[in-house]
Every structure is written in structure tokens, then in C-alpha cells.
Amino acid sequence: MAYLSPPGWKLTDVSDQERMLTAALLPSRRLELARMFTILEWVEPAVQTILDGKLADLTGDDLDRIGFRVFVLLVKGKECMGTELQRTASVAPKIDDHNWSCKKPDVCTETFKRLWWEKVGRRLLHPVMPMKTFAIRWEVRTWKHADLNVACRDHMVQKMELGEIKFSENKIVAGVVQAISDYYLTL
């Protein structure tokens, strides 16, 4: 069923009651309504929900609602996220500057790399319940190992919190949201 919105009509003010209503909508329906009424604020949560799941779970009705062009953008985003996730899992951030109290920087670095793979990498790549990148800093904060200097570990956590060590998942989602929003503005 096709819906037409009156020319120049936009929904901009969304009350709390409307937010609760839209949260109950399927992400594909939110994207459809965002396109129909130029409600760009609905694009990001819908895209995030879709990309957090499996694209294979989208039904034929979902695909009809979002359209081919948006589906292609979602597929590209999901593929980029998978590639970035593999890179993040397999390559530990480098400890550039060890704390003054670190007596064996080479051993500390190697221990950090090994713990990264054992405690973060494997969990990021878990096939059923993968770790989200936002949880990495909390995981690293709990590491205790005789060969890992606590101050070096805490410095790496601080760099993650300050955004000096970035994980690209959020940038990829933001790029997909921007691409979809730009497309909707051309309609």
C-alpha cells in the first residue's frame, strides 16, 4: 500500500507519547514513515536496530517498506561493520607510552596483545552473542595479570574513554544514517 504525504508537510515536533509509539514500530516501518514524512530523527534508531540484528531476518514486507536503495546502504554498512569488527578483534591497540612504573615494556605490550585476543577478540567475533565495542573499555579495565602493568592498562582504558583509541562501528552507523537521510531529502 502506497502512502502520499502532502507536499511540503513535515513532522518535526515529537512528544514523549509519540516516542513511545514509534519505539513499538518495526524498524522498517520507522524508516518507511521517516521517508514518507521526512522525519529524519527516526532514521538513526531504526538503522541501529537493523544493523544490530541479522539482515537475513528482514522479511519481504520489511524490504518493501525500506526499498532497494536503502537496503543496499544497510548491506554495505553491515559488511563494513563486519570487516571493522574483524580488524578490531585481531589487532590490539598499541601501547605507545608505557607508564614510568612499567619495568618491562616489551613484556607488558606482548601481554596486552595476548589478553586482547583472549578476552576481547574472541568475544567480539562470537557467533551467537558478540561483545559490543562500547564494552571493550570495561573489559580491559578488569584485566589482572602479573606481566601487565596496571598503570599501562589504565592508561589504555583512559585513551579509549577520551576517544584517542576509536572503534569505527559508530562511524559506520553514522555514515549509513547520513546516506539514508541524504537520500530521503532528495525525494
N, C-alpha and C. Protein backbone atom coordinates (compact mmCIF):
# COMPACT_ATOMS: atom_id res chain seq x y z
N MET A 1 0.84 -1.16 0.00
CA MET A 1 0.00 0.00 0.00
C MET A 1 0.89 1.24 0.00
N ALA A 2 0.66 2.15 -0.91
CA ALA A 2 1.47 3.37 -1.02
C ALA A 2 0.80 4.50 -0.27
N TYR A 3 1.61 5.31 0.37
CA TYR A 3 1.12 6.48 1.09
C TYR A 3 1.72 7.72 0.47
N LEU A 4 0.92 8.75 0.34
CA LEU A 4 1.42 10.02 -0.18
C LEU A 4 1.27 11.07 0.90
N SER A 5 2.32 11.85 1.10
CA SER A 5 2.22 12.93 2.06
C SER A 5 1.97 14.23 1.31
N PRO A 6 1.23 15.15 1.92
CA PRO A 6 1.00 16.43 1.26
C PRO A 6 2.33 17.13 1.00
N PRO A 7 2.48 17.81 -0.14
CA PRO A 7 3.74 18.48 -0.47
C PRO A 7 4.14 19.47 0.63
N GLY A 8 5.41 19.42 1.01
CA GLY A 8 5.95 20.34 1.99
C GLY A 8 5.57 20.05 3.43
N TRP A 9 4.87 18.94 3.67
CA TRP A 9 4.43 18.63 5.02
C TRP A 9 5.50 17.83 5.74
N LYS A 10 5.89 18.28 6.93
CA LYS A 10 6.91 17.60 7.72
C LYS A 10 6.42 17.44 9.14
N LEU A 11 6.75 16.33 9.73
CA LEU A 11 6.52 16.16 11.16
C LEU A 11 7.86 16.45 11.85
N THR A 12 7.89 17.46 12.70
CA THR A 12 9.15 17.80 13.34
C THR A 12 9.11 17.66 14.85
N ASP A 13 8.05 18.09 15.50
CA ASP A 13 7.96 18.01 16.95
C ASP A 13 7.40 16.66 17.35
N VAL A 14 8.19 15.92 18.11
CA VAL A 14 7.77 14.60 18.53
C VAL A 14 7.68 14.58 20.05
N SER A 15 6.50 14.35 20.58
CA SER A 15 6.30 14.33 22.03
C SER A 15 6.77 13.01 22.61
N ASP A 16 6.82 12.94 23.93
CA ASP A 16 7.21 11.70 24.60
C ASP A 16 6.26 10.56 24.26
N GLN A 17 4.98 10.89 24.18
CA GLN A 17 3.98 9.88 23.84
C GLN A 17 4.24 9.34 22.43
N GLU A 18 4.60 10.22 21.51
CA GLU A 18 4.89 9.78 20.14
C GLU A 18 6.16 8.95 20.11
N ARG A 19 7.14 9.30 20.96
CA ARG A 19 8.38 8.50 21.03
C ARG A 19 8.08 7.07 21.47
N MET A 20 7.20 6.93 22.46
CA MET A 20 6.82 5.60 22.92
C MET A 20 6.12 4.83 21.80
N LEU A 21 5.30 5.50 21.04
CA LEU A 21 4.59 4.86 19.94
C LEU A 21 5.57 4.40 18.87
N THR A 22 6.54 5.26 18.51
CA THR A 22 7.49 4.89 17.46
C THR A 22 8.42 3.78 17.91
N ALA A 23 8.72 3.70 19.21
CA ALA A 23 9.57 2.62 19.69
C ALA A 23 8.90 1.26 19.48
N ALA A 24 7.57 1.24 19.47
CA ALA A 24 6.84 0.00 19.26
C ALA A 24 6.77 -0.38 17.79
N LEU A 25 7.09 0.55 16.90
CA LEU A 25 7.04 0.27 15.47
C LEU A 25 8.26 -0.56 15.05
N LEU A 26 8.06 -1.40 14.06
CA LEU A 26 9.17 -2.13 13.48
C LEU A 26 10.16 -1.13 12.88
N PRO A 27 11.45 -1.44 12.91
CA PRO A 27 12.43 -0.51 12.32
C PRO A 27 12.14 -0.20 10.85
N SER A 28 11.68 -1.21 10.11
CA SER A 28 11.38 -0.97 8.70
C SER A 28 10.21 0.00 8.55
N ARG A 29 9.26 -0.07 9.45
CA ARG A 29 8.12 0.87 9.41
C ARG A 29 8.58 2.27 9.79
N ARG A 30 9.50 2.37 10.76
CA ARG A 30 10.04 3.68 11.12
C ARG A 30 10.76 4.31 9.94
N LEU A 31 11.52 3.49 9.21
CA LEU A 31 12.21 4.02 8.02
C LEU A 31 11.21 4.45 6.95
N GLU A 32 10.17 3.65 6.78
CA GLU A 32 9.14 4.00 5.80
C GLU A 32 8.49 5.34 6.16
N LEU A 33 8.12 5.50 7.42
CA LEU A 33 7.49 6.75 7.86
C LEU A 33 8.48 7.92 7.81
N ALA A 34 9.73 7.64 8.14
CA ALA A 34 10.76 8.69 8.05
C ALA A 34 10.88 9.19 6.62
N ARG A 35 10.82 8.26 5.67
CA ARG A 35 10.89 8.64 4.25
C ARG A 35 9.63 9.41 3.83
N MET A 36 8.49 8.89 4.21
CA MET A 36 7.22 9.49 3.77
C MET A 36 7.02 10.90 4.32
N PHE A 37 7.41 11.13 5.58
CA PHE A 37 7.12 12.40 6.24
C PHE A 37 8.38 13.19 6.60
N THR A 38 9.51 12.76 6.06
CA THR A 38 10.80 13.43 6.32
C THR A 38 11.04 13.60 7.82
N ILE A 39 10.95 12.51 8.56
CA ILE A 39 11.23 12.51 9.99
C ILE A 39 12.62 11.88 10.17
N LEU A 40 13.63 12.69 9.94
CA LEU A 40 15.00 12.18 9.92
C LEU A 40 15.47 11.68 11.29
N GLU A 41 14.82 12.13 12.36
CA GLU A 41 15.18 11.67 13.71
C GLU A 41 14.87 10.19 13.90
N TRP A 42 14.03 9.63 13.08
CA TRP A 42 13.67 8.22 13.20
C TRP A 42 14.64 7.30 12.45
N VAL A 43 15.48 7.88 11.62
CA VAL A 43 16.38 7.06 10.80
C VAL A 43 17.43 6.36 11.66
N GLU A 44 18.10 7.11 12.54
CA GLU A 44 19.21 6.54 13.32
C GLU A 44 18.79 5.36 14.19
N PRO A 45 17.72 5.48 15.01
CA PRO A 45 17.36 4.32 15.83
C PRO A 45 16.93 3.11 15.01
N ALA A 46 16.28 3.36 13.89
CA ALA A 46 15.85 2.25 13.04
C ALA A 46 17.06 1.56 12.41
N VAL A 47 17.99 2.35 11.90
CA VAL A 47 19.20 1.79 11.28
C VAL A 47 20.00 1.02 12.33
N GLN A 48 20.17 1.60 13.52
CA GLN A 48 20.93 0.93 14.58
C GLN A 48 20.30 -0.42 14.93
N THR A 49 18.98 -0.46 15.04
CA THR A 49 18.29 -1.71 15.36
C THR A 49 18.50 -2.75 14.26
N ILE A 50 18.38 -2.31 13.02
CA ILE A 50 18.55 -3.25 11.90
C ILE A 50 19.98 -3.76 11.83
N LEU A 51 20.96 -2.87 11.97
CA LEU A 51 22.36 -3.28 11.87
C LEU A 51 22.81 -4.11 13.07
N ASP A 52 22.15 -3.97 14.21
CA ASP A 52 22.47 -4.80 15.37
C ASP A 52 21.97 -6.23 15.19
N GLY A 53 21.01 -6.43 14.29
CA GLY A 53 20.47 -7.76 14.04
C GLY A 53 21.07 -8.38 12.79
N LYS A 54 20.38 -9.37 12.27
CA LYS A 54 20.81 -10.04 11.04
C LYS A 54 19.95 -9.53 9.90
N LEU A 55 20.57 -9.14 8.82
CA LEU A 55 19.82 -8.66 7.66
C LEU A 55 18.96 -9.77 7.08
N ALA A 56 19.36 -10.99 7.28
CA ALA A 56 18.59 -12.13 6.78
C ALA A 56 17.24 -12.25 7.48
N ASP A 57 17.11 -11.61 8.65
CA ASP A 57 15.84 -11.65 9.38
C ASP A 57 14.81 -10.68 8.82
N LEU A 58 15.22 -9.79 7.92
CA LEU A 58 14.25 -8.87 7.31
C LEU A 58 13.30 -9.66 6.42
N THR A 59 12.01 -9.38 6.56
CA THR A 59 11.00 -10.08 5.77
C THR A 59 10.80 -9.37 4.44
N GLY A 60 10.02 -9.99 3.58
CA GLY A 60 9.66 -9.35 2.32
C GLY A 60 8.92 -8.04 2.54
N ASP A 61 8.04 -8.02 3.54
CA ASP A 61 7.33 -6.78 3.88
C ASP A 61 8.30 -5.70 4.34
N ASP A 62 9.31 -6.09 5.15
CA ASP A 62 10.32 -5.13 5.59
C ASP A 62 11.04 -4.52 4.38
N LEU A 63 11.42 -5.38 3.44
CA LEU A 63 12.13 -4.90 2.25
C LEU A 63 11.26 -4.00 1.40
N ASP A 64 9.97 -4.31 1.30
CA ASP A 64 9.05 -3.43 0.58
C ASP A 64 8.98 -2.06 1.24
N ARG A 65 9.00 -2.03 2.57
CA ARG A 65 8.90 -0.75 3.29
C ARG A 65 10.16 0.10 3.13
N ILE A 66 11.33 -0.53 3.24
CA ILE A 66 12.55 0.28 3.21
C ILE A 66 13.04 0.57 1.80
N GLY A 67 12.71 -0.28 0.86
CA GLY A 67 13.12 -0.05 -0.52
C GLY A 67 14.51 -0.59 -0.82
N PHE A 68 14.75 -0.80 -2.10
CA PHE A 68 16.00 -1.43 -2.55
C PHE A 68 17.22 -0.56 -2.24
N ARG A 69 17.13 0.73 -2.53
CA ARG A 69 18.28 1.61 -2.34
C ARG A 69 18.73 1.65 -0.87
N VAL A 70 17.77 1.75 0.05
CA VAL A 70 18.10 1.78 1.48
C VAL A 70 18.63 0.41 1.92
N PHE A 71 18.07 -0.66 1.38
CA PHE A 71 18.57 -1.99 1.71
C PHE A 71 20.03 -2.14 1.29
N VAL A 72 20.39 -1.63 0.12
CA VAL A 72 21.78 -1.70 -0.35
C VAL A 72 22.69 -0.93 0.61
N LEU A 73 22.25 0.24 1.07
CA LEU A 73 23.05 1.01 2.04
C LEU A 73 23.22 0.24 3.34
N LEU A 74 22.17 -0.44 3.79
CA LEU A 74 22.26 -1.24 5.01
C LEU A 74 23.22 -2.42 4.82
N VAL A 75 23.16 -3.07 3.67
CA VAL A 75 24.06 -4.21 3.40
C VAL A 75 25.51 -3.74 3.38
N LYS A 76 25.77 -2.61 2.73
CA LYS A 76 27.14 -2.08 2.69
C LYS A 76 27.63 -1.73 4.10
N GLY A 77 26.75 -1.12 4.88
CA GLY A 77 27.12 -0.78 6.26
C GLY A 77 27.41 -2.01 7.09
N LYS A 78 26.58 -3.02 6.95
CA LYS A 78 26.76 -4.28 7.70
C LYS A 78 28.08 -4.94 7.31
N GLU A 79 28.39 -4.92 6.02
CA GLU A 79 29.64 -5.52 5.55
C GLU A 79 30.85 -4.75 6.10
N CYS A 80 30.78 -3.44 6.08
CA CYS A 80 31.87 -2.62 6.64
C CYS A 80 32.03 -2.89 8.14
N MET A 81 30.91 -3.02 8.84
CA MET A 81 30.97 -3.30 10.27
C MET A 81 31.64 -4.66 10.54
N GLY A 82 31.33 -5.65 9.72
CA GLY A 82 31.95 -6.96 9.88
C GLY A 82 33.44 -6.92 9.66
N THR A 83 33.87 -6.21 8.62
CA THR A 83 35.30 -6.07 8.33
C THR A 83 36.00 -5.33 9.46
N GLU A 84 35.41 -4.26 9.92
CA GLU A 84 36.00 -3.47 11.00
C GLU A 84 36.04 -4.26 12.30
N LEU A 85 35.02 -5.05 12.55
CA LEU A 85 34.98 -5.87 13.75
C LEU A 85 36.11 -6.90 13.74
N GLN A 86 36.35 -7.51 12.59
CA GLN A 86 37.46 -8.47 12.47
C GLN A 86 38.80 -7.79 12.71
N ARG A 87 38.96 -6.58 12.18
CA ARG A 87 40.21 -5.84 12.39
C ARG A 87 40.38 -5.50 13.87
N THR A 88 39.33 -5.01 14.49
CA THR A 88 39.38 -4.64 15.90
C THR A 88 39.69 -5.86 16.76
N ALA A 89 39.09 -6.99 16.43
CA ALA A 89 39.30 -8.21 17.21
C ALA A 89 40.74 -8.71 17.10
N SER A 90 41.31 -8.62 15.93
CA SER A 90 42.61 -9.25 15.70
C SER A 90 43.80 -8.34 15.96
N VAL A 91 43.61 -7.03 15.99
CA VAL A 91 44.73 -6.11 16.17
C VAL A 91 44.50 -5.27 17.43
N ALA A 92 45.28 -5.55 18.46
CA ALA A 92 45.17 -4.79 19.71
C ALA A 92 45.72 -3.38 19.51
N PRO A 93 45.12 -2.39 20.16
CA PRO A 93 45.69 -1.04 20.11
C PRO A 93 47.11 -1.07 20.68
N LYS A 94 47.97 -0.25 20.10
CA LYS A 94 49.38 -0.24 20.51
C LYS A 94 49.56 0.62 21.76
N ILE A 95 50.33 0.11 22.70
CA ILE A 95 50.69 0.90 23.88
C ILE A 95 51.89 1.75 23.46
N ASP A 96 51.63 3.02 23.15
CA ASP A 96 52.70 3.91 22.69
C ASP A 96 53.60 4.39 23.81
N ASP A 97 52.99 4.69 24.93
CA ASP A 97 53.76 5.28 26.02
C ASP A 97 53.45 4.53 27.32
N HIS A 98 54.43 3.73 27.73
CA HIS A 98 54.27 2.96 28.97
C HIS A 98 54.46 3.89 30.16
N ASN A 99 53.81 3.54 31.25
CA ASN A 99 53.94 4.29 32.49
C ASN A 99 55.36 4.16 33.02
N TRP A 100 55.82 5.15 33.75
CA TRP A 100 57.17 5.13 34.32
C TRP A 100 57.40 3.93 35.24
N SER A 101 56.31 3.42 35.83
CA SER A 101 56.43 2.29 36.75
C SER A 101 56.54 0.94 36.03
N CYS A 102 56.38 0.95 34.71
CA CYS A 102 56.45 -0.29 33.93
C CYS A 102 57.91 -0.70 33.77
N LYS A 103 58.29 -1.81 34.37
CA LYS A 103 59.68 -2.27 34.36
C LYS A 103 60.04 -3.06 33.10
N LYS A 104 59.04 -3.68 32.48
CA LYS A 104 59.29 -4.50 31.28
C LYS A 104 58.29 -4.12 30.19
N PRO A 105 58.51 -3.00 29.50
CA PRO A 105 57.53 -2.54 28.50
C PRO A 105 57.26 -3.56 27.38
N ASP A 106 58.30 -4.29 26.94
CA ASP A 106 58.10 -5.27 25.87
C ASP A 106 57.19 -6.41 26.33
N VAL A 107 57.41 -6.88 27.55
CA VAL A 107 56.58 -7.96 28.10
C VAL A 107 55.16 -7.45 28.33
N CYS A 108 55.05 -6.21 28.81
CA CYS A 108 53.74 -5.60 29.04
C CYS A 108 52.96 -5.51 27.73
N THR A 109 53.62 -5.06 26.67
CA THR A 109 52.99 -4.94 25.35
C THR A 109 52.52 -6.30 24.84
N GLU A 110 53.38 -7.30 24.93
CA GLU A 110 53.02 -8.64 24.46
C GLU A 110 51.87 -9.23 25.28
N THR A 111 51.87 -8.98 26.57
CA THR A 111 50.79 -9.46 27.43
C THR A 111 49.48 -8.78 27.04
N PHE A 112 49.53 -7.47 26.79
CA PHE A 112 48.33 -6.73 26.38
C PHE A 112 47.78 -7.32 25.07
N LYS A 113 48.65 -7.57 24.11
CA LYS A 113 48.21 -8.14 22.83
C LYS A 113 47.56 -9.52 23.03
N ARG A 114 48.20 -10.34 23.86
CA ARG A 114 47.67 -11.69 24.09
C ARG A 114 46.32 -11.62 24.79
N LEU A 115 46.22 -10.79 25.83
CA LEU A 115 44.96 -10.64 26.55
C LEU A 115 43.87 -10.06 25.64
N TRP A 116 44.28 -9.16 24.74
CA TRP A 116 43.32 -8.57 23.80
C TRP A 116 42.64 -9.68 23.00
N TRP A 117 43.45 -10.59 22.45
CA TRP A 117 42.86 -11.66 21.65
C TRP A 117 42.03 -12.59 22.52
N GLU A 118 42.57 -12.99 23.68
CA GLU A 118 41.87 -13.95 24.54
C GLU A 118 40.58 -13.39 25.15
N LYS A 119 40.61 -12.13 25.56
CA LYS A 119 39.49 -11.56 26.32
C LYS A 119 38.57 -10.66 25.49
N VAL A 120 39.10 -10.07 24.43
CA VAL A 120 38.29 -9.15 23.61
C VAL A 120 38.02 -9.74 22.23
N GLY A 121 39.08 -10.08 21.52
CA GLY A 121 38.95 -10.53 20.13
C GLY A 121 37.98 -11.69 19.96
N ARG A 122 38.15 -12.71 20.74
CA ARG A 122 37.26 -13.87 20.63
C ARG A 122 35.82 -13.52 20.94
N ARG A 123 35.63 -12.63 21.92
CA ARG A 123 34.26 -12.25 22.29
C ARG A 123 33.63 -11.34 21.22
N LEU A 124 34.43 -10.50 20.59
CA LEU A 124 33.90 -9.67 19.51
C LEU A 124 33.41 -10.53 18.35
N LEU A 125 34.10 -11.63 18.11
CA LEU A 125 33.78 -12.50 16.97
C LEU A 125 32.85 -13.65 17.33
N HIS A 126 32.36 -13.67 18.54
CA HIS A 126 31.48 -14.77 18.98
C HIS A 126 30.27 -14.85 18.04
N PRO A 127 29.96 -16.05 17.52
CA PRO A 127 28.90 -16.17 16.52
C PRO A 127 27.48 -15.95 17.04
N VAL A 128 27.25 -16.15 18.33
CA VAL A 128 25.90 -16.05 18.87
C VAL A 128 25.70 -14.76 19.66
N MET A 129 26.61 -14.47 20.56
CA MET A 129 26.48 -13.27 21.41
C MET A 129 27.77 -12.47 21.39
N PRO A 130 28.02 -11.73 20.31
CA PRO A 130 29.27 -10.97 20.24
C PRO A 130 29.27 -9.79 21.21
N MET A 131 30.45 -9.47 21.69
CA MET A 131 30.63 -8.30 22.55
C MET A 131 30.47 -7.05 21.70
N LYS A 132 29.86 -6.02 22.25
CA LYS A 132 29.74 -4.73 21.57
C LYS A 132 31.01 -3.94 21.83
N THR A 133 31.42 -3.13 20.87
CA THR A 133 32.67 -2.39 21.03
C THR A 133 32.64 -1.42 22.19
N PHE A 134 31.44 -0.91 22.55
CA PHE A 134 31.38 0.01 23.68
C PHE A 134 31.77 -0.66 25.00
N ALA A 135 31.71 -2.00 25.05
CA ALA A 135 32.02 -2.73 26.28
C ALA A 135 33.51 -3.05 26.41
N ILE A 136 34.30 -2.76 25.39
CA ILE A 136 35.72 -3.12 25.42
C ILE A 136 36.43 -2.46 26.59
N ARG A 137 36.21 -1.18 26.78
CA ARG A 137 36.96 -0.49 27.85
C ARG A 137 36.65 -1.08 29.23
N TRP A 138 35.40 -1.51 29.45
CA TRP A 138 35.06 -2.12 30.74
C TRP A 138 35.74 -3.47 30.90
N GLU A 139 35.83 -4.20 29.81
CA GLU A 139 36.53 -5.48 29.85
C GLU A 139 38.01 -5.28 30.17
N VAL A 140 38.65 -4.37 29.45
CA VAL A 140 40.09 -4.13 29.64
C VAL A 140 40.36 -3.68 31.08
N ARG A 141 39.47 -2.87 31.63
CA ARG A 141 39.64 -2.35 32.99
C ARG A 141 39.74 -3.49 34.03
N THR A 142 39.16 -4.65 33.73
CA THR A 142 39.15 -5.76 34.70
C THR A 142 40.38 -6.65 34.61
N TRP A 143 41.22 -6.45 33.59
CA TRP A 143 42.36 -7.34 33.40
C TRP A 143 43.35 -7.25 34.54
N LYS A 144 43.72 -8.42 35.05
CA LYS A 144 44.76 -8.52 36.07
C LYS A 144 45.71 -9.61 35.62
N HIS A 145 46.98 -9.23 35.45
CA HIS A 145 47.98 -10.19 35.02
C HIS A 145 49.33 -9.70 35.53
N ALA A 146 50.14 -10.62 36.00
CA ALA A 146 51.43 -10.25 36.58
C ALA A 146 52.32 -9.49 35.59
N ASP A 147 52.20 -9.80 34.30
CA ASP A 147 53.07 -9.16 33.30
C ASP A 147 52.45 -7.93 32.65
N LEU A 148 51.27 -7.52 33.10
CA LEU A 148 50.64 -6.32 32.57
C LEU A 148 50.63 -5.26 33.66
N ASN A 149 51.34 -4.17 33.40
CA ASN A 149 51.40 -3.08 34.36
C ASN A 149 50.01 -2.44 34.46
N VAL A 150 49.51 -2.30 35.69
CA VAL A 150 48.17 -1.76 35.92
C VAL A 150 48.06 -0.33 35.40
N ALA A 151 49.10 0.46 35.59
CA ALA A 151 49.07 1.85 35.13
C ALA A 151 49.02 1.91 33.59
N CYS A 152 49.72 1.02 32.92
CA CYS A 152 49.67 0.97 31.45
C CYS A 152 48.26 0.57 30.99
N ARG A 153 47.70 -0.43 31.66
CA ARG A 153 46.33 -0.86 31.35
C ARG A 153 45.35 0.28 31.54
N ASP A 154 45.44 0.97 32.67
CA ASP A 154 44.53 2.08 32.96
C ASP A 154 44.70 3.23 31.97
N HIS A 155 45.94 3.43 31.52
CA HIS A 155 46.19 4.48 30.52
C HIS A 155 45.49 4.13 29.20
N MET A 156 45.51 2.86 28.82
CA MET A 156 44.83 2.44 27.58
C MET A 156 43.32 2.62 27.72
N VAL A 157 42.77 2.30 28.89
CA VAL A 157 41.33 2.50 29.12
C VAL A 157 41.01 3.98 29.01
N GLN A 158 41.85 4.82 29.60
CA GLN A 158 41.62 6.26 29.54
C GLN A 158 41.65 6.75 28.09
N LYS A 159 42.57 6.23 27.30
CA LYS A 159 42.64 6.63 25.88
C LYS A 159 41.36 6.23 25.14
N MET A 160 40.79 5.08 25.49
CA MET A 160 39.53 4.65 24.89
C MET A 160 38.41 5.59 25.30
N GLU A 161 38.37 5.95 26.58
CA GLU A 161 37.32 6.83 27.08
C GLU A 161 37.41 8.23 26.48
N LEU A 162 38.61 8.70 26.23
CA LEU A 162 38.81 10.03 25.66
C LEU A 162 38.66 10.04 24.14
N GLY A 163 38.49 8.87 23.56
CA GLY A 163 38.32 8.79 22.12
C GLY A 163 39.62 8.81 21.34
N GLU A 164 40.75 8.68 22.04
CA GLU A 164 42.04 8.62 21.35
C GLU A 164 42.22 7.27 20.66
N ILE A 165 41.58 6.25 21.20
CA ILE A 165 41.50 4.94 20.54
C ILE A 165 40.05 4.81 20.13
N LYS A 166 39.83 4.75 18.83
CA LYS A 166 38.46 4.74 18.31
C LYS A 166 38.15 3.40 17.66
N PHE A 167 36.93 3.00 17.86
CA PHE A 167 36.41 1.82 17.19
C PHE A 167 35.39 2.34 16.18
N SER A 168 35.49 1.92 14.95
CA SER A 168 34.77 2.55 13.84
C SER A 168 33.30 2.17 13.71
N GLU A 169 32.81 1.27 14.55
CA GLU A 169 31.41 0.83 14.44
C GLU A 169 30.44 2.01 14.43
N ASN A 170 30.62 2.95 15.36
CA ASN A 170 29.71 4.10 15.43
C ASN A 170 29.82 5.00 14.21
N LYS A 171 31.05 5.15 13.69
CA LYS A 171 31.23 5.97 12.50
C LYS A 171 30.55 5.33 11.29
N ILE A 172 30.59 4.03 11.21
CA ILE A 172 29.94 3.33 10.10
C ILE A 172 28.43 3.51 10.18
N VAL A 173 27.86 3.31 11.37
CA VAL A 173 26.42 3.50 11.55
C VAL A 173 26.05 4.94 11.19
N ALA A 174 26.84 5.90 11.67
CA ALA A 174 26.56 7.31 11.38
C ALA A 174 26.62 7.58 9.88
N GLY A 175 27.55 6.94 9.19
CA GLY A 175 27.64 7.09 7.73
C GLY A 175 26.42 6.54 7.01
N VAL A 176 25.93 5.39 7.45
CA VAL A 176 24.74 4.80 6.85
C VAL A 176 23.53 5.69 7.12
N VAL A 177 23.40 6.17 8.34
CA VAL A 177 22.30 7.07 8.70
C VAL A 177 22.34 8.32 7.83
N GLN A 178 23.53 8.90 7.68
CA GLN A 178 23.67 10.11 6.86
C GLN A 178 23.31 9.84 5.41
N ALA A 179 23.76 8.71 4.87
CA ALA A 179 23.46 8.37 3.48
C ALA A 179 21.94 8.20 3.27
N ILE A 180 21.29 7.53 4.19
CA ILE A 180 19.85 7.32 4.08
C ILE A 180 19.11 8.66 4.24
N SER A 181 19.53 9.46 5.20
CA SER A 181 18.89 10.77 5.41
C SER A 181 19.07 11.65 4.19
N ASP A 182 20.26 11.66 3.62
CA ASP A 182 20.51 12.46 2.40
C ASP A 182 19.60 11.99 1.26
N TYR A 183 19.48 10.67 1.13
CA TYR A 183 18.61 10.13 0.09
C TYR A 183 17.17 10.55 0.32
N TYR A 184 16.69 10.45 1.54
CA TYR A 184 15.30 10.85 1.85
C TYR A 184 15.05 12.33 1.54
N LEU A 185 16.08 13.15 1.73
CA LEU A 185 15.92 14.58 1.46
C LEU A 185 15.82 14.88 -0.05
N THR A 186 16.27 13.94 -0.87
CA THR A 186 16.18 14.14 -2.33
C THR A 186 14.81 13.75 -2.88
N LEU A 187 14.02 13.05 -2.08
CA LEU A 187 12.72 12.57 -2.57
C LEU A 187 11.68 13.66 -2.53
